[in-house]
Protein backbone atom coordinates (compact mmCIF):
# COMPACT_ATOMS: atom_id res chain seq x y z
CA MET A 1 -1.54 5.53 -0.49
CA LEU A 2 -0.41 2.77 1.86
CA LYS A 3 -4.04 1.98 2.69
CA LEU A 4 -4.90 1.57 -0.99
CA LEU A 5 -1.84 -0.56 -1.66
CA ALA A 6 -2.50 -2.69 1.41
CA GLU A 7 -6.07 -3.24 0.26
CA GLY A 8 -4.64 -4.89 -2.86
CA HIS A 9 -4.99 -2.14 -5.44
CA SER A 10 -2.44 -2.16 -8.23
CA ASN A 11 -0.04 0.74 -8.74
CA GLN A 12 -2.13 1.88 -11.71
CA GLU A 13 -5.38 1.68 -9.75
CA VAL A 14 -3.88 3.76 -6.93
CA ALA A 15 -2.61 6.27 -9.49
CA ASP A 16 -6.07 6.54 -11.03
CA ILE A 17 -7.80 6.91 -7.65
CA LEU A 18 -5.38 9.61 -6.48
CA CYS A 19 -5.07 11.30 -9.92
CA ILE A 20 -1.28 10.92 -9.97
CA SER A 21 1.08 9.03 -12.25
CA ARG A 22 1.89 5.35 -11.85
CA LYS A 23 5.55 6.31 -11.51
CA THR A 24 4.72 8.53 -8.51
CA VAL A 25 2.97 5.58 -6.86
CA GLU A 26 5.99 3.36 -7.56
CA ASN A 27 8.30 5.95 -6.00
CA HIS A 28 6.14 6.29 -2.89
CA ARG A 29 5.84 2.50 -2.61
CA ALA A 30 9.64 2.22 -2.79
CA HIS A 31 9.98 4.83 -0.01
CA ILE A 32 7.47 2.96 2.16
CA VAL A 33 9.41 -0.28 1.66
CA ARG A 34 12.72 1.42 2.45
CA LYS A 35 11.42 3.14 5.59
CA THR A 36 9.47 0.17 6.99
CA GLY A 37 11.61 -2.71 5.79
CA VAL A 38 8.54 -4.66 4.64
CA GLN A 39 8.60 -6.52 1.37
CA GLY A 40 5.83 -7.45 -1.03
CA GLN A 41 2.08 -7.14 -0.95
CA VAL A 42 1.63 -9.34 2.12
CA GLY A 43 4.21 -7.32 4.04
CA LEU A 44 2.51 -4.04 3.17
CA THR A 45 -0.87 -5.43 4.20
CA LYS A 46 0.41 -6.78 7.51
CA TYR A 47 2.20 -3.51 8.26
CA ALA A 48 -0.92 -1.46 7.48
CA ALA A 49 -2.98 -3.71 9.77
CA ARG A 50 -0.38 -3.49 12.54
CA ILE A 51 -0.47 0.31 12.55
CA GLY A 52 -4.28 0.34 12.41
CA LEU A 53 -4.64 1.60 8.85
CA ILE A 54 -6.77 -1.35 7.76
CA ASP A 55 -8.80 -3.95 9.61
CA LEU A 56 -8.02 -7.51 8.56
CA ASP A 57 -11.11 -8.79 10.38
CA LEU A 58 -13.22 -7.33 7.59
CA TRP A 59 -11.81 -9.95 5.21
CA ASP A 60 -12.95 -12.96 7.29
């Protein structure tokens, strides 16, 4: 889920991809924010890159 969010997918897009409700995505996103302390889309993306979940070099 973090990978999809970090790639810029909306909550609804993630829900559709994973076949879960948008509310479930929102709850998981809130837990990720609480546990990591990151805020916003940029924070999630940077965190995902830092832990090796996504490669920012692909966007250059």
